[in-house]
Amino acid sequence: FEFTESASGELELQPIAKAIDYCKDKRIRY
């Protein structure tokens, strides 16, 4: 994942939330 947008605000609005959601849907360990 490559993010360039701002990372301020609530967790649901964090760019990293996209990566975390991907981990939930796939067999990702780390």
PDB file of all heavy atoms in Angstrom:
ATOM      1  N   PHE A   1       0.860  -1.174   0.000  1.00  0.00           N
ATOM      2  CA  PHE A   1       0.000   0.000   0.000  1.00  0.00           C
ATOM      3  C   PHE A   1       0.899   1.227   0.000  1.00  0.00           C
ATOM      4  O   PHE A   1       1.937   1.242   0.677  1.00  0.00           O
ATOM      5  CB  PHE A   1      -0.894   0.031   1.247  1.00  0.00           C
ATOM      6  CG  PHE A   1      -2.010  -0.967   1.219  1.00  0.00           C
ATOM      7  CD1 PHE A   1      -1.795  -2.275   1.616  1.00  0.00           C
ATOM      8  CD2 PHE A   1      -3.270  -0.598   0.787  1.00  0.00           C
ATOM      9  CE1 PHE A   1      -2.809  -3.206   1.594  1.00  0.00           C
ATOM     10  CE2 PHE A   1      -4.310  -1.516   0.756  1.00  0.00           C
ATOM     11  CZ  PHE A   1      -4.070  -2.827   1.162  1.00  0.00           C
ATOM     12  N   GLU A   2       0.504   2.241  -0.724  1.00  0.00           N
ATOM     13  CA  GLU A   2       1.259   3.492  -0.776  1.00  0.00           C
ATOM     14  C   GLU A   2       0.280   4.635  -0.552  1.00  0.00           C
ATOM     15  O   GLU A   2      -0.671   4.804  -1.315  1.00  0.00           O
ATOM     16  CB  GLU A   2       1.916   3.625  -2.147  1.00  0.00           C
ATOM     17  CG  GLU A   2       2.849   4.797  -2.258  1.00  0.00           C
ATOM     18  CD  GLU A   2       3.586   4.783  -3.593  1.00  0.00           C
ATOM     19  OE1 GLU A   2       4.196   3.750  -3.933  1.00  0.00           O
ATOM     20  OE2 GLU A   2       3.538   5.823  -4.283  1.00  0.00           O
ATOM     21  N   PHE A   3       0.508   5.382   0.522  1.00  0.00           N
ATOM     22  CA  PHE A   3      -0.386   6.475   0.881  1.00  0.00           C
ATOM     23  C   PHE A   3       0.357   7.805   0.835  1.00  0.00           C
ATOM     24  O   PHE A   3       1.502   7.891   1.274  1.00  0.00           O
ATOM     25  CB  PHE A   3      -0.959   6.277   2.284  1.00  0.00           C
ATOM     26  CG  PHE A   3      -1.754   5.008   2.438  1.00  0.00           C
ATOM     27  CD1 PHE A   3      -1.394   4.066   3.376  1.00  0.00           C
ATOM     28  CD2 PHE A   3      -2.855   4.769   1.640  1.00  0.00           C
ATOM     29  CE1 PHE A   3      -2.118   2.897   3.521  1.00  0.00           C
ATOM     30  CE2 PHE A   3      -3.589   3.605   1.774  1.00  0.00           C
ATOM     31  CZ  PHE A   3      -3.223   2.660   2.721  1.00  0.00           C
ATOM     32  N   THR A   4      -0.314   8.815   0.329  1.00  0.00           N
ATOM     33  CA  THR A   4       0.254  10.162   0.303  1.00  0.00           C
ATOM     34  C   THR A   4      -0.682  11.165   0.970  1.00  0.00           C
ATOM     35  O   THR A   4      -0.293  12.300   1.179  1.00  0.00           O
ATOM     36  CB  THR A   4       0.539  10.619  -1.146  1.00  0.00           C
ATOM     37  OG1 THR A   4      -0.659  10.531  -1.909  1.00  0.00           O
ATOM     38  CG2 THR A   4       1.628   9.781  -1.775  1.00  0.00           C
ATOM     39  N   GLU A   5      -1.884  10.738   1.310  1.00  0.00           N
ATOM     40  CA  GLU A   5      -2.830  11.668   1.908  1.00  0.00           C
ATOM     41  C   GLU A   5      -2.553  11.876   3.390  1.00  0.00           C
ATOM     42  O   GLU A   5      -1.820  11.109   4.006  1.00  0.00           O
ATOM     43  CB  GLU A   5      -4.284  11.217   1.680  1.00  0.00           C
ATOM     44  CG  GLU A   5      -4.626   9.884   2.291  1.00  0.00           C
ATOM     45  CD  GLU A   5      -4.520   8.728   1.308  1.00  0.00           C
ATOM     46  OE1 GLU A   5      -3.675   8.746   0.419  1.00  0.00           O
ATOM     47  OE2 GLU A   5      -5.286   7.769   1.464  1.00  0.00           O
ATOM     48  N   SER A   6      -3.182  12.883   3.942  1.00  0.00           N
ATOM     49  CA  SER A   6      -3.004  13.231   5.344  1.00  0.00           C
ATOM     50  C   SER A   6      -3.478  12.095   6.247  1.00  0.00           C
ATOM     51  O   SER A   6      -4.396  11.362   5.904  1.00  0.00           O
ATOM     52  CB  SER A   6      -3.796  14.498   5.662  1.00  0.00           C
ATOM     53  OG  SER A   6      -3.760  14.759   7.041  1.00  0.00           O
ATOM     54  N   ALA A   7      -2.859  11.993   7.407  1.00  0.00           N
ATOM     55  CA  ALA A   7      -3.220  10.937   8.354  1.00  0.00           C
ATOM     56  C   ALA A   7      -3.760  11.502   9.657  1.00  0.00           C
ATOM     57  O   ALA A   7      -3.550  10.959  10.708  1.00  0.00           O
ATOM     58  CB  ALA A   7      -2.008  10.058   8.632  1.00  0.00           C
ATOM     59  N   SER A   8      -4.460  12.605   9.609  1.00  0.00           N
ATOM     60  CA  SER A   8      -5.035  13.151  10.827  1.00  0.00           C
ATOM     61  C   SER A   8      -6.512  12.784  10.882  1.00  0.00           C
ATOM     62  O   SER A   8      -7.121  12.469   9.875  1.00  0.00           O
ATOM     63  CB  SER A   8      -4.867  14.673  10.859  1.00  0.00           C
ATOM     64  OG  SER A   8      -5.486  15.241   9.736  1.00  0.00           O
ATOM     65  N   GLY A   9      -7.082  12.786  12.089  1.00  0.00           N
ATOM     66  CA  GLY A   9      -8.498  12.493  12.210  1.00  0.00           C
ATOM     67  C   GLY A   9      -8.785  11.175  12.881  1.00  0.00           C
ATOM     68  O   GLY A   9      -7.924  10.568  13.497  1.00  0.00           O
ATOM     69  N   GLU A  10     -10.017  10.734  12.750  1.00  0.00           N
ATOM     70  CA  GLU A  10     -10.489   9.507  13.380  1.00  0.00           C
ATOM     71  C   GLU A  10      -9.914   8.269  12.697  1.00  0.00           C
ATOM     72  O   GLU A  10      -9.550   8.311  11.526  1.00  0.00           O
ATOM     73  CB  GLU A  10     -12.021   9.464  13.318  1.00  0.00           C
ATOM     74  CG  GLU A  10     -12.701  10.594  14.051  1.00  0.00           C
ATOM     75  CD  GLU A  10     -12.391  10.605  15.535  1.00  0.00           C
ATOM     76  OE1 GLU A  10     -12.352   9.517  16.152  1.00  0.00           O
ATOM     77  OE2 GLU A  10     -12.174  11.691  16.077  1.00  0.00           O
ATOM     78  N   LEU A  11      -9.887   7.156  13.421  1.00  0.00           N
ATOM     79  CA  LEU A  11      -9.326   5.916  12.902  1.00  0.00           C
ATOM     80  C   LEU A  11      -9.972   5.508  11.584  1.00  0.00           C
ATOM     81  O   LEU A  11      -9.294   5.121  10.641  1.00  0.00           O
ATOM     82  CB  LEU A  11      -9.465   4.789  13.925  1.00  0.00           C
ATOM     83  CG  LEU A  11      -8.952   3.415  13.476  1.00  0.00           C
ATOM     84  CD1 LEU A  11      -7.470   3.477  13.118  1.00  0.00           C
ATOM     85  CD2 LEU A  11      -9.208   2.370  14.535  1.00  0.00           C
ATOM     86  N   GLU A  12     -11.292   5.593  11.493  1.00  0.00           N
ATOM     87  CA  GLU A  12     -11.983   5.172  10.274  1.00  0.00           C
ATOM     88  C   GLU A  12     -11.564   6.002   9.065  1.00  0.00           C
ATOM     89  O   GLU A  12     -11.716   5.568   7.930  1.00  0.00           O
ATOM     90  CB  GLU A  12     -13.504   5.285  10.434  1.00  0.00           C
ATOM     91  CG  GLU A  12     -14.090   4.558  11.617  1.00  0.00           C
ATOM     92  CD  GLU A  12     -13.936   5.344  12.922  1.00  0.00           C
ATOM     93  OE1 GLU A  12     -14.210   6.555  12.965  1.00  0.00           O
ATOM     94  OE2 GLU A  12     -13.527   4.714  13.904  1.00  0.00           O
ATOM     95  N   LEU A  13     -11.062   7.207   9.303  1.00  0.00           N
ATOM     96  CA  LEU A  13     -10.663   8.100   8.222  1.00  0.00           C
ATOM     97  C   LEU A  13      -9.173   8.021   7.925  1.00  0.00           C
ATOM     98  O   LEU A  13      -8.696   8.656   6.979  1.00  0.00           O
ATOM     99  CB  LEU A  13     -11.045   9.549   8.561  1.00  0.00           C
ATOM    100  CG  LEU A  13     -12.530   9.787   8.851  1.00  0.00           C
ATOM    101  CD1 LEU A  13     -12.759  11.222   9.293  1.00  0.00           C
ATOM    102  CD2 LEU A  13     -13.383   9.437   7.650  1.00  0.00           C
ATOM    103  N   GLN A  14      -8.431   7.267   8.708  1.00  0.00           N
ATOM    104  CA  GLN A  14      -6.994   7.139   8.506  1.00  0.00           C
ATOM    105  C   GLN A  14      -6.723   6.358   7.225  1.00  0.00           C
ATOM    106  O   GLN A  14      -7.384   5.346   6.960  1.00  0.00           O
ATOM    107  CB  GLN A  14      -6.352   6.387   9.678  1.00  0.00           C
ATOM    108  CG  GLN A  14      -6.438   7.081  11.006  1.00  0.00           C
ATOM    109  CD  GLN A  14      -5.557   8.301  11.059  1.00  0.00           C
ATOM    110  OE1 GLN A  14      -4.401   8.266  10.671  1.00  0.00           O
ATOM    111  NE2 GLN A  14      -6.103   9.391  11.539  1.00  0.00           N
ATOM    112  N   PRO A  15      -5.755   6.785   6.428  1.00  0.00           N
ATOM    113  CA  PRO A  15      -5.409   6.015   5.232  1.00  0.00           C
ATOM    114  C   PRO A  15      -5.061   4.562   5.567  1.00  0.00           C
ATOM    115  O   PRO A  15      -5.404   3.648   4.814  1.00  0.00           O
ATOM    116  CB  PRO A  15      -4.183   6.754   4.686  1.00  0.00           C
ATOM    117  CG  PRO A  15      -4.301   8.139   5.207  1.00  0.00           C
ATOM    118  CD  PRO A  15      -4.969   8.005   6.545  1.00  0.00           C
ATOM    119  N   ILE A  16      -4.431   4.332   6.710  1.00  0.00           N
ATOM    120  CA  ILE A  16      -4.015   2.983   7.101  1.00  0.00           C
ATOM    121  C   ILE A  16      -5.207   2.054   7.281  1.00  0.00           C
ATOM    122  O   ILE A  16      -5.061   0.831   7.207  1.00  0.00           O
ATOM    123  CB  ILE A  16      -3.140   3.033   8.384  1.00  0.00           C
ATOM    124  CG1 ILE A  16      -2.413   1.710   8.612  1.00  0.00           C
ATOM    125  CG2 ILE A  16      -3.977   3.382   9.592  1.00  0.00           C
ATOM    126  CD1 ILE A  16      -1.366   1.395   7.605  1.00  0.00           C
ATOM    127  N   ALA A  17      -6.405   2.603   7.480  1.00  0.00           N
ATOM    128  CA  ALA A  17      -7.599   1.775   7.654  1.00  0.00           C
ATOM    129  C   ALA A  17      -7.829   0.881   6.441  1.00  0.00           C
ATOM    130  O   ALA A  17      -8.307  -0.253   6.578  1.00  0.00           O
ATOM    131  CB  ALA A  17      -8.821   2.645   7.933  1.00  0.00           C
ATOM    132  N   LYS A  18      -7.467   1.349   5.254  1.00  0.00           N
ATOM    133  CA  LYS A  18      -7.610   0.527   4.044  1.00  0.00           C
ATOM    134  C   LYS A  18      -6.741  -0.724   4.138  1.00  0.00           C
ATOM    135  O   LYS A  18      -7.168  -1.816   3.774  1.00  0.00           O
ATOM    136  CB  LYS A  18      -7.216   1.336   2.802  1.00  0.00           C
ATOM    137  CG  LYS A  18      -8.102   2.508   2.523  1.00  0.00           C
ATOM    138  CD  LYS A  18      -7.527   3.348   1.397  1.00  0.00           C
ATOM    139  CE  LYS A  18      -8.232   4.690   1.319  1.00  0.00           C
ATOM    140  NZ  LYS A  18      -7.555   5.603   0.408  1.00  0.00           N
ATOM    141  N   ALA A  19      -5.525  -0.563   4.611  1.00  0.00           N
ATOM    142  CA  ALA A  19      -4.617  -1.697   4.755  1.00  0.00           C
ATOM    143  C   ALA A  19      -5.117  -2.649   5.836  1.00  0.00           C
ATOM    144  O   ALA A  19      -5.062  -3.873   5.670  1.00  0.00           O
ATOM    145  CB  ALA A  19      -3.204  -1.208   5.069  1.00  0.00           C
ATOM    146  N   ILE A  20      -5.609  -2.112   6.932  1.00  0.00           N
ATOM    147  CA  ILE A  20      -6.131  -2.948   8.018  1.00  0.00           C
ATOM    148  C   ILE A  20      -7.338  -3.735   7.529  1.00  0.00           C
ATOM    149  O   ILE A  20      -7.467  -4.933   7.799  1.00  0.00           O
ATOM    150  CB  ILE A  20      -6.460  -2.094   9.252  1.00  0.00           C
ATOM    151  CG1 ILE A  20      -5.166  -1.543   9.851  1.00  0.00           C
ATOM    152  CG2 ILE A  20      -7.242  -2.900  10.286  1.00  0.00           C
ATOM    153  CD1 ILE A  20      -5.374  -0.501  10.912  1.00  0.00           C
ATOM    154  N   ASP A  21      -8.216  -3.090   6.777  1.00  0.00           N
ATOM    155  CA  ASP A  21      -9.374  -3.786   6.225  1.00  0.00           C
ATOM    156  C   ASP A  21      -8.946  -4.922   5.303  1.00  0.00           C
ATOM    157  O   ASP A  21      -9.547  -5.993   5.297  1.00  0.00           O
ATOM    158  CB  ASP A  21     -10.293  -2.822   5.479  1.00  0.00           C
ATOM    159  CG  ASP A  21     -11.071  -1.913   6.412  1.00  0.00           C
ATOM    160  OD1 ASP A  21     -11.166  -2.227   7.622  1.00  0.00           O
ATOM    161  OD2 ASP A  21     -11.579  -0.887   5.939  1.00  0.00           O
ATOM    162  N   TYR A  22      -7.900  -4.696   4.525  1.00  0.00           N
ATOM    163  CA  TYR A  22      -7.380  -5.751   3.649  1.00  0.00           C
ATOM    164  C   TYR A  22      -6.926  -6.953   4.481  1.00  0.00           C
ATOM    165  O   TYR A  22      -7.183  -8.095   4.122  1.00  0.00           O
ATOM    166  CB  TYR A  22      -6.224  -5.212   2.803  1.00  0.00           C
ATOM    167  CG  TYR A  22      -5.701  -6.203   1.796  1.00  0.00           C
ATOM    168  CD1 TYR A  22      -6.254  -6.286   0.523  1.00  0.00           C
ATOM    169  CD2 TYR A  22      -4.649  -7.063   2.113  1.00  0.00           C
ATOM    170  CE1 TYR A  22      -5.773  -7.199  -0.403  1.00  0.00           C
ATOM    171  CE2 TYR A  22      -4.158  -7.980   1.192  1.00  0.00           C
ATOM    172  CZ  TYR A  22      -4.723  -8.040  -0.062  1.00  0.00           C
ATOM    173  OH  TYR A  22      -4.260  -8.950  -0.975  1.00  0.00           O
ATOM    174  N   CYS A  23      -6.284  -6.693   5.599  1.00  0.00           N
ATOM    175  CA  CYS A  23      -5.825  -7.780   6.479  1.00  0.00           C
ATOM    176  C   CYS A  23      -7.002  -8.582   7.020  1.00  0.00           C
ATOM    177  O   CYS A  23      -6.911  -9.800   7.183  1.00  0.00           O
ATOM    178  CB  CYS A  23      -5.037  -7.224   7.652  1.00  0.00           C
ATOM    179  SG  CYS A  23      -3.438  -6.537   7.208  1.00  0.00           S
ATOM    180  N   LYS A  24      -8.101  -7.936   7.292  1.00  0.00           N
ATOM    181  CA  LYS A  24      -9.275  -8.625   7.835  1.00  0.00           C
ATOM    182  C   LYS A  24      -9.892  -9.562   6.804  1.00  0.00           C
ATOM    183  O   LYS A  24     -10.434 -10.598   7.157  1.00  0.00           O
ATOM    184  CB  LYS A  24     -10.322  -7.604   8.279  1.00  0.00           C
ATOM    185  CG  LYS A  24      -9.922  -6.805   9.500  1.00  0.00           C
ATOM    186  CD  LYS A  24     -10.983  -5.777   9.810  1.00  0.00           C
ATOM    187  CE  LYS A  24     -10.601  -4.885  10.961  1.00  0.00           C
ATOM    188  NZ  LYS A  24     -11.581  -3.823  11.186  1.00  0.00           N
ATOM    189  N   ASP A  25      -9.828  -9.182   5.543  1.00  0.00           N
ATOM    190  CA  ASP A  25     -10.477  -9.952   4.492  1.00  0.00           C
ATOM    191  C   ASP A  25      -9.587 -11.031   3.881  1.00  0.00           C
ATOM    192  O   ASP A  25     -10.054 -11.877   3.145  1.00  0.00           O
ATOM    193  CB  ASP A  25     -10.933  -9.024   3.361  1.00  0.00           C
ATOM    194  CG  ASP A  25     -12.028  -8.072   3.811  1.00  0.00           C
ATOM    195  OD1 ASP A  25     -12.720  -8.383   4.796  1.00  0.00           O
ATOM    196  OD2 ASP A  25     -12.186  -7.014   3.177  1.00  0.00           O
ATOM    197  N   LYS A  26      -8.312 -11.007   4.137  1.00  0.00           N
ATOM    198  CA  LYS A  26      -7.362 -11.928   3.514  1.00  0.00           C
ATOM    199  C   LYS A  26      -6.643 -12.739   4.585  1.00  0.00           C
ATOM    200  O   LYS A  26      -6.778 -12.482   5.766  1.00  0.00           O
ATOM    201  CB  LYS A  26      -6.316 -11.139   2.689  1.00  0.00           C
ATOM    202  CG  LYS A  26      -6.906 -10.148   1.712  1.00  0.00           C
ATOM    203  CD  LYS A  26      -7.620 -10.845   0.596  1.00  0.00           C
ATOM    204  CE  LYS A  26      -8.195  -9.809  -0.357  1.00  0.00           C
ATOM    205  NZ  LYS A  26      -9.219 -10.303  -1.199  1.00  0.00           N
ATOM    206  N   ARG A  27      -5.837 -13.663   4.165  1.00  0.00           N
ATOM    207  CA  ARG A  27      -5.047 -14.476   5.104  1.00  0.00           C
ATOM    208  C   ARG A  27      -3.692 -13.811   5.331  1.00  0.00           C
ATOM    209  O   ARG A  27      -2.653 -14.330   4.938  1.00  0.00           O
ATOM    210  CB  ARG A  27      -4.886 -15.869   4.552  1.00  0.00           C
ATOM    211  CG  ARG A  27      -6.209 -16.564   4.369  1.00  0.00           C
ATOM    212  CD  ARG A  27      -6.020 -17.920   3.860  1.00  0.00           C
ATOM    213  NE  ARG A  27      -6.231 -18.804   4.998  1.00  0.00           N
ATOM    214  CZ  ARG A  27      -6.286 -20.105   4.912  1.00  0.00           C
ATOM    215  NH1 ARG A  27      -6.113 -20.687   3.776  1.00  0.00           N
ATOM    216  NH2 ARG A  27      -6.506 -20.831   5.986  1.00  0.00           N
ATOM    217  N   ILE A  28      -3.737 -12.662   5.972  1.00  0.00           N
ATOM    218  CA  ILE A  28      -2.539 -11.858   6.206  1.00  0.00           C
ATOM    219  C   ILE A  28      -2.159 -11.961   7.675  1.00  0.00           C
ATOM    220  O   ILE A  28      -2.972 -11.716   8.556  1.00  0.00           O
ATOM    221  CB  ILE A  28      -2.780 -10.380   5.819  1.00  0.00           C
ATOM    222  CG1 ILE A  28      -3.236 -10.264   4.371  1.00  0.00           C
ATOM    223  CG2 ILE A  28      -1.550  -9.536   6.106  1.00  0.00           C
ATOM    224  CD1 ILE A  28      -2.250 -10.776   3.348  1.00  0.00           C
ATOM    225  N   ARG A  29      -0.912 -12.304   7.918  1.00  0.00           N
ATOM    226  CA  ARG A  29      -0.442 -12.488   9.293  1.00  0.00           C
ATOM    227  C   ARG A  29       0.221 -11.227   9.851  1.00  0.00           C
ATOM    228  O   ARG A  29       0.150 -10.946  11.031  1.00  0.00           O
ATOM    229  CB  ARG A  29       0.538 -13.653   9.306  1.00  0.00           C
ATOM    230  CG  ARG A  29       1.197 -13.913  10.591  1.00  0.00           C
ATOM    231  CD  ARG A  29       0.437 -14.891  11.403  1.00  0.00           C
ATOM    232  NE  ARG A  29       1.249 -15.169  12.591  1.00  0.00           N
ATOM    233  CZ  ARG A  29       0.751 -15.649  13.674  1.00  0.00           C
ATOM    234  NH1 ARG A  29      -0.500 -15.955  13.750  1.00  0.00           N
ATOM    235  NH2 ARG A  29       1.528 -15.854  14.717  1.00  0.00           N
ATOM    236  N   TYR A  30       0.928 -10.463   8.979  1.00  0.00           N
ATOM    237  CA  TYR A  30       1.694  -9.297   9.424  1.00  0.00           C
ATOM    238  C   TYR A  30       1.440  -8.093   8.528  1.00  0.00           C
ATOM    239  O   TYR A  30       1.174  -8.236   7.342  1.00  0.00           O
ATOM    240  CB  TYR A  30       3.207  -9.589   9.400  1.00  0.00           C
ATOM    241  CG  TYR A  30       3.616 -10.744  10.274  1.00  0.00           C
ATOM    242  CD1 TYR A  30       3.965 -11.971   9.719  1.00  0.00           C
ATOM    243  CD2 TYR A  30       3.662 -10.603  11.658  1.00  0.00           C
ATOM    244  CE1 TYR A  30       4.342 -13.042  10.520  1.00  0.00           C
ATOM    245  CE2 TYR A  30       4.031 -11.667  12.462  1.00  0.00           C
ATOM    246  CZ  TYR A  30       4.373 -12.880  11.892  1.00  0.00           C
ATOM    247  OH  TYR A  30       4.738 -13.928  12.688  1.00  0.00           O
TER     248      TYR A  30
END
